[in-house]
Amino acid sequence: MRKLTQDQKDQAVENKRILGERQGGKCYYCDIHFERDNVIPHAAHIIIDSVVNIRKYGYEILDNIKNFKITCPNCNPKAIITNPESQTGIDHIEAIRKEIEL
């Protein structure tokens, strides 16, 4: 597991805040309200940061804000594209690459 710099930690917190605001403070999938229902929000990777995916796509893709959804703990697994080489995964990665111009 990598050790994040303070800048990376700050960016992760900011991304989580931005996504939480965009989603109205609710889980992307079940609409549970985090604050009202006293649930801790999770920043769920869409393409997970596994060793294989880190080597193949790099942190620039995996840490991008578009690679996350804010979920409740129960819905966290729903965010994951289990096969990044599926058409859904390819489209997702290409959209991020296009945005960051890789």
Protein backbone atom coordinates (compact mmCIF):
# COMPACT_ATOMS: atom_id res chain seq x y z
CA MET A 1 0.00 0.00 0.00
CA ARG A 2 1.42 3.37 -0.98
CA LYS A 3 1.88 6.22 1.42
CA LEU A 4 0.08 9.36 0.26
CA THR A 5 1.70 12.77 0.43
CA GLN A 6 -0.17 15.49 2.30
CA ASP A 7 -1.15 17.06 -1.04
CA GLN A 8 -2.61 13.73 -2.21
CA LYS A 9 -4.51 13.33 1.06
CA ASP A 10 -5.85 16.88 0.77
CA GLN A 11 -6.93 16.25 -2.84
CA ALA A 12 -8.69 13.02 -1.84
CA VAL A 13 -10.61 14.84 0.91
CA GLU A 14 -11.53 17.65 -1.50
CA ASN A 15 -12.68 15.17 -4.17
CA LYS A 16 -14.85 13.38 -1.61
CA ARG A 17 -16.37 16.70 -0.56
CA ILE A 18 -17.06 17.72 -4.17
CA LEU A 19 -18.66 14.39 -5.04
CA GLY A 20 -20.69 14.44 -1.83
CA GLU A 21 -22.04 17.87 -2.73
CA ARG A 22 -22.81 16.80 -6.30
CA GLN A 23 -24.75 13.84 -4.94
CA GLY A 24 -26.65 15.96 -2.42
CA GLY A 25 -25.05 14.25 0.58
CA LYS A 26 -26.60 10.93 -0.42
CA CYS A 27 -25.39 7.51 -1.51
CA TYR A 28 -25.12 7.29 -5.29
CA TYR A 29 -27.14 4.06 -5.32
CA CYS A 30 -29.63 3.90 -2.44
CA ASP A 31 -30.11 7.62 -1.66
CA ILE A 32 -29.44 7.14 2.04
CA HIS A 33 -28.59 10.58 3.47
CA PHE A 34 -25.23 10.41 5.20
CA GLU A 35 -25.67 13.19 7.74
CA ARG A 36 -29.34 12.61 8.53
CA ASP A 37 -28.94 8.84 8.82
CA ASN A 38 -25.55 9.04 10.57
CA VAL A 39 -23.77 6.97 7.91
CA ILE A 40 -20.11 7.43 7.03
CA PRO A 41 -19.72 8.03 3.28
CA HIS A 42 -17.24 5.94 1.33
CA ALA A 43 -15.31 7.09 -1.74
CA ALA A 44 -15.76 3.99 -3.89
CA HIS A 45 -13.35 3.33 -6.73
CA ILE A 46 -15.02 2.47 -10.01
CA ILE A 47 -11.82 0.89 -11.33
CA ILE A 48 -10.20 -0.47 -8.15
CA ASP A 49 -6.64 0.38 -7.25
CA SER A 50 -5.32 -3.18 -7.39
CA VAL A 51 -1.68 -3.91 -8.13
CA VAL A 52 -2.59 -4.98 -11.67
CA ASN A 53 -4.69 -1.85 -12.32
CA ILE A 54 -2.05 0.45 -10.83
CA ARG A 55 0.56 -0.99 -13.20
CA LYS A 56 -1.77 -0.91 -16.18
CA TYR A 57 -3.56 2.45 -15.73
CA GLY A 58 -1.51 4.36 -13.15
CA TYR A 59 -2.57 6.54 -10.25
CA GLU A 60 -3.43 9.45 -12.53
CA ILE A 61 -6.40 7.42 -13.80
CA LEU A 62 -7.25 5.57 -10.59
CA ASP A 63 -7.11 8.66 -8.35
CA ASN A 64 -9.09 10.86 -10.75
CA ILE A 65 -12.32 12.25 -9.32
CA LYS A 66 -14.25 10.61 -12.17
CA ASN A 67 -13.11 7.22 -10.91
CA PHE A 68 -15.12 7.55 -7.69
CA LYS A 69 -18.69 7.54 -6.48
CA ILE A 70 -19.72 8.39 -2.94
CA THR A 71 -21.59 5.45 -1.46
CA CYS A 72 -22.80 4.04 1.83
CA PRO A 73 -20.82 1.05 3.12
CA ASN A 74 -23.44 -1.40 1.84
CA CYS A 75 -23.45 -0.01 -1.71
CA ASN A 76 -19.67 0.42 -2.04
CA PRO A 77 -19.22 -2.80 -4.09
CA LYS A 78 -21.87 -1.65 -6.59
CA ALA A 79 -19.54 1.08 -7.85
CA ILE A 80 -16.85 -1.32 -9.02
CA ILE A 81 -16.43 -2.25 -12.66
CA THR A 82 -15.09 -5.74 -12.04
CA ASN A 83 -13.58 -6.09 -15.50
CA PRO A 84 -11.82 -2.91 -16.64
CA GLU A 85 -11.34 -4.54 -20.05
CA SER A 86 -15.10 -4.77 -20.62
CA GLN A 87 -16.59 -2.14 -22.92
CA THR A 88 -17.94 -0.29 -19.86
CA GLY A 89 -14.47 -0.29 -18.30
CA ILE A 90 -12.77 0.79 -21.52
CA ASP A 91 -15.27 3.63 -22.00
CA HIS A 92 -14.80 4.75 -18.39
CA ILE A 93 -11.00 4.78 -18.62
CA GLU A 94 -11.03 6.51 -22.00
CA ALA A 95 -13.30 9.26 -20.65
CA ILE A 96 -10.81 9.92 -17.86
CA ARG A 97 -7.85 9.83 -20.26
CA LYS A 98 -9.58 12.27 -22.56
CA GLU A 99 -10.22 14.65 -19.68
CA ILE A 100 -6.59 14.57 -18.52
CA GLU A 101 -5.29 14.26 -22.09
CA LEU A 102 -3.20 11.12 -21.67
